Amino acid sequence: MSETDEFDNFLKNGFEKEKNDITDDGFTEKVISGLPSDRILINRKFILYFSGALSAFIFYISNGYKSLLLSIIDILSNGFHSIRPSLISFFVVLVFISVAIIISRIEHDEDLI
């Protein structure tokens, strides 16, 4: 029984938090002053919105919406007739869904960029 008690004390002492208080001496202020300001975040968001708008504009000018719409119609019509959708239609829809998910994730998780 005494071996278990000694081992329990060893585990308790091993997993206790250390109580070492270290003086700051202005270190926190130096680190915080070295962090990027909000201006950089605004520039990053501007780049994200600008690239999204530019992509949408190029997509509209190149008539990409027509190929996307035709692909969706092709997939739905083939699905209603129990025929497998074509690989090109599936790929086009998959690319646009993936881009939408990536953009929303980048917007949500600002740590990704």
N, C-alpha and C. Protein backbone atom coordinates (compact mmCIF):
# COMPACT_ATOMS: atom_id res chain seq x y z
N MET A 1 0.80 -1.19 0.00
CA MET A 1 0.00 0.00 0.00
C MET A 1 0.85 1.26 0.00
N SER A 2 1.99 1.18 0.66
CA SER A 2 2.82 2.38 0.74
C SER A 2 3.43 2.74 -0.60
N GLU A 3 3.68 1.74 -1.49
CA GLU A 3 4.21 2.03 -2.82
C GLU A 3 3.21 2.82 -3.65
N THR A 4 1.93 2.47 -3.55
CA THR A 4 0.89 3.19 -4.28
C THR A 4 0.79 4.63 -3.79
N ASP A 5 0.87 4.82 -2.50
CA ASP A 5 0.78 6.17 -1.95
C ASP A 5 1.96 7.02 -2.39
N GLU A 6 3.15 6.46 -2.42
CA GLU A 6 4.31 7.21 -2.87
C GLU A 6 4.21 7.54 -4.36
N PHE A 7 3.69 6.59 -5.13
CA PHE A 7 3.53 6.84 -6.57
C PHE A 7 2.46 7.90 -6.82
N ASP A 8 1.38 7.85 -6.04
CA ASP A 8 0.35 8.89 -6.16
C ASP A 8 0.91 10.27 -5.85
N ASN A 9 1.74 10.34 -4.82
CA ASN A 9 2.37 11.63 -4.49
C ASN A 9 3.32 12.08 -5.60
N PHE A 10 4.03 11.13 -6.18
CA PHE A 10 4.93 11.45 -7.29
C PHE A 10 4.15 12.02 -8.47
N LEU A 11 3.03 11.36 -8.83
CA LEU A 11 2.20 11.86 -9.94
C LEU A 11 1.61 13.23 -9.62
N LYS A 12 1.14 13.39 -8.39
CA LYS A 12 0.55 14.68 -8.01
C LYS A 12 1.59 15.79 -8.11
N ASN A 13 2.78 15.55 -7.62
CA ASN A 13 3.84 16.56 -7.68
C ASN A 13 4.32 16.79 -9.11
N GLY A 14 4.30 15.74 -9.93
CA GLY A 14 4.76 15.87 -11.31
C GLY A 14 3.83 16.65 -12.19
N PHE A 15 2.51 16.58 -11.90
CA PHE A 15 1.54 17.24 -12.76
C PHE A 15 1.02 18.56 -12.22
N GLU A 16 1.50 18.98 -11.06
CA GLU A 16 1.08 20.28 -10.54
C GLU A 16 1.68 21.40 -11.38
N LYS A 17 0.96 22.49 -11.46
CA LYS A 17 1.46 23.65 -12.21
C LYS A 17 2.60 24.30 -11.44
N GLU A 18 3.57 24.74 -12.20
CA GLU A 18 4.67 25.48 -11.59
C GLU A 18 4.16 26.88 -11.23
N LYS A 19 4.61 27.37 -10.12
CA LYS A 19 4.16 28.68 -9.68
C LYS A 19 5.33 29.66 -9.72
N ASN A 20 5.89 29.79 -10.90
CA ASN A 20 7.00 30.73 -11.08
C ASN A 20 6.46 32.00 -11.73
N ASP A 21 6.44 33.07 -11.02
CA ASP A 21 6.03 34.35 -11.57
C ASP A 21 7.26 35.06 -12.12
N ILE A 22 7.20 35.39 -13.40
CA ILE A 22 8.31 36.06 -14.05
C ILE A 22 7.91 37.52 -14.25
N THR A 23 8.79 38.42 -13.90
CA THR A 23 8.48 39.84 -14.07
C THR A 23 8.43 40.19 -15.55
N ASP A 24 7.57 41.12 -15.88
CA ASP A 24 7.32 41.48 -17.28
C ASP A 24 8.36 42.46 -17.80
N ASP A 25 8.66 43.49 -17.08
CA ASP A 25 9.64 44.52 -17.47
C ASP A 25 9.36 45.13 -18.84
N GLY A 26 8.08 45.31 -19.18
CA GLY A 26 7.72 45.95 -20.45
C GLY A 26 7.77 45.04 -21.66
N PHE A 27 7.97 43.74 -21.46
CA PHE A 27 8.07 42.81 -22.59
C PHE A 27 6.74 42.72 -23.35
N THR A 28 5.63 42.69 -22.63
CA THR A 28 4.32 42.57 -23.27
C THR A 28 4.06 43.77 -24.18
N GLU A 29 4.36 44.96 -23.72
CA GLU A 29 4.13 46.15 -24.54
C GLU A 29 4.99 46.14 -25.80
N LYS A 30 6.22 45.66 -25.67
CA LYS A 30 7.10 45.57 -26.84
C LYS A 30 6.56 44.59 -27.87
N VAL A 31 6.07 43.46 -27.40
CA VAL A 31 5.53 42.45 -28.32
C VAL A 31 4.27 42.97 -29.00
N ILE A 32 3.37 43.56 -28.23
CA ILE A 32 2.11 44.07 -28.79
C ILE A 32 2.38 45.20 -29.78
N SER A 33 3.36 46.05 -29.49
CA SER A 33 3.65 47.14 -30.43
C SER A 33 4.26 46.61 -31.72
N GLY A 34 4.86 45.43 -31.69
CA GLY A 34 5.45 44.85 -32.90
C GLY A 34 4.45 44.08 -33.75
N LEU A 35 3.24 43.87 -33.24
CA LEU A 35 2.23 43.15 -34.02
C LEU A 35 1.69 44.04 -35.13
N PRO A 36 1.19 43.44 -36.22
CA PRO A 36 0.64 44.26 -37.31
C PRO A 36 -0.59 45.01 -36.86
N SER A 37 -0.76 46.17 -37.45
CA SER A 37 -1.89 47.00 -37.08
C SER A 37 -3.14 46.59 -37.86
N ASP A 38 -4.26 47.26 -37.56
CA ASP A 38 -5.51 46.96 -38.26
C ASP A 38 -5.44 47.36 -39.73
N ARG A 39 -4.53 48.27 -40.07
CA ARG A 39 -4.41 48.71 -41.45
C ARG A 39 -4.07 47.54 -42.37
N ILE A 40 -3.22 46.64 -41.91
CA ILE A 40 -2.85 45.49 -42.72
C ILE A 40 -4.05 44.58 -42.91
N LEU A 41 -4.88 44.42 -41.89
CA LEU A 41 -6.09 43.61 -42.03
C LEU A 41 -7.06 44.22 -43.03
N ILE A 42 -7.16 45.54 -43.02
CA ILE A 42 -8.04 46.21 -43.99
C ILE A 42 -7.52 45.99 -45.39
N ASN A 43 -6.21 46.09 -45.60
CA ASN A 43 -5.64 45.85 -46.92
C ASN A 43 -5.88 44.41 -47.37
N ARG A 44 -5.77 43.48 -46.46
CA ARG A 44 -5.99 42.08 -46.79
C ARG A 44 -7.45 41.84 -47.19
N LYS A 45 -8.37 42.44 -46.47
CA LYS A 45 -9.78 42.29 -46.81
C LYS A 45 -10.09 42.98 -48.14
N PHE A 46 -9.46 44.13 -48.38
CA PHE A 46 -9.66 44.82 -49.65
C PHE A 46 -9.18 43.95 -50.80
N ILE A 47 -8.03 43.32 -50.65
CA ILE A 47 -7.50 42.44 -51.70
C ILE A 47 -8.45 41.27 -51.93
N LEU A 48 -8.99 40.71 -50.86
CA LEU A 48 -9.92 39.59 -50.98
C LEU A 48 -11.18 40.01 -51.73
N TYR A 49 -11.77 41.13 -51.33
CA TYR A 49 -12.99 41.60 -52.00
C TYR A 49 -12.71 42.00 -53.45
N PHE A 50 -11.58 42.67 -53.67
CA PHE A 50 -11.26 43.09 -55.03
C PHE A 50 -11.04 41.89 -55.94
N SER A 51 -10.31 40.88 -55.45
CA SER A 51 -10.08 39.70 -56.28
C SER A 51 -11.38 38.94 -56.53
N GLY A 52 -12.26 38.91 -55.54
CA GLY A 52 -13.56 38.26 -55.74
C GLY A 52 -14.40 38.99 -56.77
N ALA A 53 -14.42 40.32 -56.69
CA ALA A 53 -15.19 41.11 -57.66
C ALA A 53 -14.59 41.00 -59.05
N LEU A 54 -13.26 41.01 -59.15
CA LEU A 54 -12.60 40.87 -60.44
C LEU A 54 -12.88 39.50 -61.04
N SER A 55 -12.86 38.48 -60.21
CA SER A 55 -13.16 37.12 -60.69
C SER A 55 -14.59 37.02 -61.18
N ALA A 56 -15.52 37.63 -60.44
CA ALA A 56 -16.92 37.60 -60.87
C ALA A 56 -17.10 38.36 -62.18
N PHE A 57 -16.39 39.49 -62.33
CA PHE A 57 -16.48 40.26 -63.57
C PHE A 57 -15.94 39.47 -64.75
N ILE A 58 -14.78 38.84 -64.58
CA ILE A 58 -14.20 38.03 -65.65
C ILE A 58 -15.10 36.83 -65.95
N PHE A 59 -15.67 36.24 -64.93
CA PHE A 59 -16.60 35.12 -65.11
C PHE A 59 -17.80 35.55 -65.94
N TYR A 60 -18.33 36.76 -65.66
CA TYR A 60 -19.49 37.26 -66.40
C TYR A 60 -19.12 37.59 -67.84
N ILE A 61 -17.98 38.25 -68.06
CA ILE A 61 -17.58 38.64 -69.41
C ILE A 61 -17.28 37.42 -70.28
N SER A 62 -16.68 36.40 -69.69
CA SER A 62 -16.31 35.22 -70.47
C SER A 62 -17.47 34.25 -70.65
N ASN A 63 -18.64 34.66 -70.25
CA ASN A 63 -19.85 33.83 -70.36
C ASN A 63 -19.70 32.51 -69.60
N GLY A 64 -18.98 32.55 -68.53
CA GLY A 64 -18.82 31.36 -67.70
C GLY A 64 -20.11 30.94 -67.05
N TYR A 65 -21.00 31.91 -66.81
CA TYR A 65 -22.27 31.58 -66.19
C TYR A 65 -23.10 30.69 -67.10
N LYS A 66 -22.92 30.86 -68.42
CA LYS A 66 -23.68 30.01 -69.34
C LYS A 66 -23.24 28.56 -69.24
N SER A 67 -21.92 28.34 -69.18
CA SER A 67 -21.44 26.96 -69.07
C SER A 67 -21.82 26.36 -67.73
N LEU A 68 -21.82 27.16 -66.68
CA LEU A 68 -22.24 26.66 -65.38
C LEU A 68 -23.72 26.30 -65.39
N LEU A 69 -24.53 27.18 -65.96
CA LEU A 69 -25.97 26.92 -66.03
C LEU A 69 -26.26 25.69 -66.89
N LEU A 70 -25.60 25.58 -68.03
CA LEU A 70 -25.81 24.40 -68.88
C LEU A 70 -25.34 23.12 -68.20
N SER A 71 -24.27 23.20 -67.44
CA SER A 71 -23.78 22.03 -66.71
C SER A 71 -24.77 21.59 -65.64
N ILE A 72 -25.31 22.56 -64.92
CA ILE A 72 -26.31 22.22 -63.88
C ILE A 72 -27.55 21.62 -64.53
N ILE A 73 -28.01 22.21 -65.63
CA ILE A 73 -29.17 21.67 -66.34
C ILE A 73 -28.88 20.27 -66.85
N ASP A 74 -27.67 20.06 -67.38
CA ASP A 74 -27.29 18.73 -67.88
C ASP A 74 -27.28 17.70 -66.75
N ILE A 75 -26.72 18.08 -65.61
CA ILE A 75 -26.67 17.15 -64.47
C ILE A 75 -28.07 16.83 -63.98
N LEU A 76 -28.91 17.87 -63.86
CA LEU A 76 -30.28 17.63 -63.38
C LEU A 76 -31.09 16.80 -64.36
N SER A 77 -30.97 17.10 -65.65
CA SER A 77 -31.75 16.33 -66.63
C SER A 77 -31.28 14.89 -66.70
N ASN A 78 -29.98 14.66 -66.60
CA ASN A 78 -29.48 13.29 -66.59
C ASN A 78 -29.89 12.57 -65.31
N GLY A 79 -29.93 13.32 -64.21
CA GLY A 79 -30.35 12.70 -62.95
C GLY A 79 -31.80 12.30 -62.98
N PHE A 80 -32.63 13.10 -63.63
CA PHE A 80 -34.04 12.77 -63.72
C PHE A 80 -34.28 11.58 -64.64
N HIS A 81 -33.38 11.35 -65.56
CA HIS A 81 -33.54 10.23 -66.50
C HIS A 81 -32.70 9.03 -66.09
N SER A 82 -32.15 9.08 -64.88
CA SER A 82 -31.34 7.99 -64.33
C SER A 82 -30.14 7.66 -65.21
N ILE A 83 -29.57 8.67 -65.82
CA ILE A 83 -28.36 8.51 -66.63
C ILE A 83 -27.23 9.19 -65.86
N ARG A 84 -26.06 8.62 -65.90
CA ARG A 84 -24.94 9.23 -65.20
C ARG A 84 -24.58 10.57 -65.84
N PRO A 85 -24.30 11.59 -65.03
CA PRO A 85 -23.91 12.88 -65.59
C PRO A 85 -22.54 12.80 -66.26
N SER A 86 -22.34 13.68 -67.22
CA SER A 86 -21.05 13.67 -67.91
C SER A 86 -19.96 14.17 -66.96
N LEU A 87 -18.76 13.75 -67.21
CA LEU A 87 -17.63 14.10 -66.35
C LEU A 87 -17.33 15.59 -66.41
N ILE A 88 -17.46 16.19 -67.58
CA ILE A 88 -17.17 17.63 -67.73
C ILE A 88 -18.17 18.45 -66.92
N SER A 89 -19.43 18.10 -66.99
CA SER A 89 -20.45 18.84 -66.23
C SER A 89 -20.20 18.72 -64.74
N PHE A 90 -19.91 17.53 -64.31
CA PHE A 90 -19.64 17.31 -62.89
C PHE A 90 -18.42 18.10 -62.45
N PHE A 91 -17.37 18.14 -63.25
CA PHE A 91 -16.14 18.85 -62.93
C PHE A 91 -16.40 20.36 -62.83
N VAL A 92 -17.16 20.92 -63.76
CA VAL A 92 -17.43 22.36 -63.75
C VAL A 92 -18.17 22.75 -62.48
N VAL A 93 -19.20 22.00 -62.13
CA VAL A 93 -19.97 22.32 -60.93
C VAL A 93 -19.10 22.12 -59.68
N LEU A 94 -18.28 21.09 -59.67
CA LEU A 94 -17.40 20.84 -58.54
C LEU A 94 -16.40 21.97 -58.34
N VAL A 95 -15.86 22.50 -59.43
CA VAL A 95 -14.90 23.60 -59.33
C VAL A 95 -15.56 24.84 -58.73
N PHE A 96 -16.74 25.18 -59.19
CA PHE A 96 -17.39 26.38 -58.69
C PHE A 96 -17.84 26.22 -57.24
N ILE A 97 -18.28 25.05 -56.86
CA ILE A 97 -18.65 24.82 -55.47
C ILE A 97 -17.40 24.88 -54.59
N SER A 98 -16.30 24.32 -55.06
CA SER A 98 -15.05 24.34 -54.29
C SER A 98 -14.55 25.77 -54.11
N VAL A 99 -14.60 26.57 -55.15
CA VAL A 99 -14.15 27.97 -55.04
C VAL A 99 -15.03 28.72 -54.05
N ALA A 100 -16.33 28.49 -54.08
CA ALA A 100 -17.22 29.17 -53.14
C ALA A 100 -16.90 28.77 -51.70
N ILE A 101 -16.62 27.51 -51.47
CA ILE A 101 -16.29 27.04 -50.13
C ILE A 101 -14.95 27.63 -49.68
N ILE A 102 -13.98 27.66 -50.56
CA ILE A 102 -12.65 28.19 -50.20
C ILE A 102 -12.74 29.67 -49.87
N ILE A 103 -13.48 30.43 -50.67
CA ILE A 103 -13.61 31.87 -50.41
C ILE A 103 -14.31 32.11 -49.08
N SER A 104 -15.37 31.35 -48.81
CA SER A 104 -16.08 31.55 -47.54
C SER A 104 -15.20 31.14 -46.36
N ARG A 105 -14.38 30.11 -46.54
CA ARG A 105 -13.50 29.70 -45.45
C ARG A 105 -12.40 30.73 -45.21
N ILE A 106 -11.86 31.29 -46.28
CA ILE A 106 -10.85 32.34 -46.13
C ILE A 106 -11.44 33.54 -45.42
N GLU A 107 -12.67 33.87 -45.77
CA GLU A 107 -13.33 35.02 -45.13
C GLU A 107 -13.60 34.73 -43.66
N HIS A 108 -13.96 33.49 -43.33
CA HIS A 108 -14.27 33.15 -41.95
C HIS A 108 -13.01 33.00 -41.12
N ASP A 109 -12.03 32.27 -41.61
CA ASP A 109 -10.78 32.02 -40.89
C ASP A 109 -9.72 32.96 -41.43
N GLU A 110 -9.49 34.07 -40.75
CA GLU A 110 -8.56 35.06 -41.24
C GLU A 110 -7.11 34.59 -41.10
N ASP A 111 -6.89 33.47 -40.43
CA ASP A 111 -5.53 32.98 -40.23
C ASP A 111 -4.99 32.25 -41.44
N LEU A 112 -5.82 31.95 -42.44
CA LEU A 112 -5.39 31.15 -43.57
C LEU A 112 -4.45 31.88 -44.51
N ILE A 113 -4.60 33.20 -44.60
CA ILE A 113 -3.76 33.96 -45.53
C ILE A 113 -2.53 34.43 -44.82
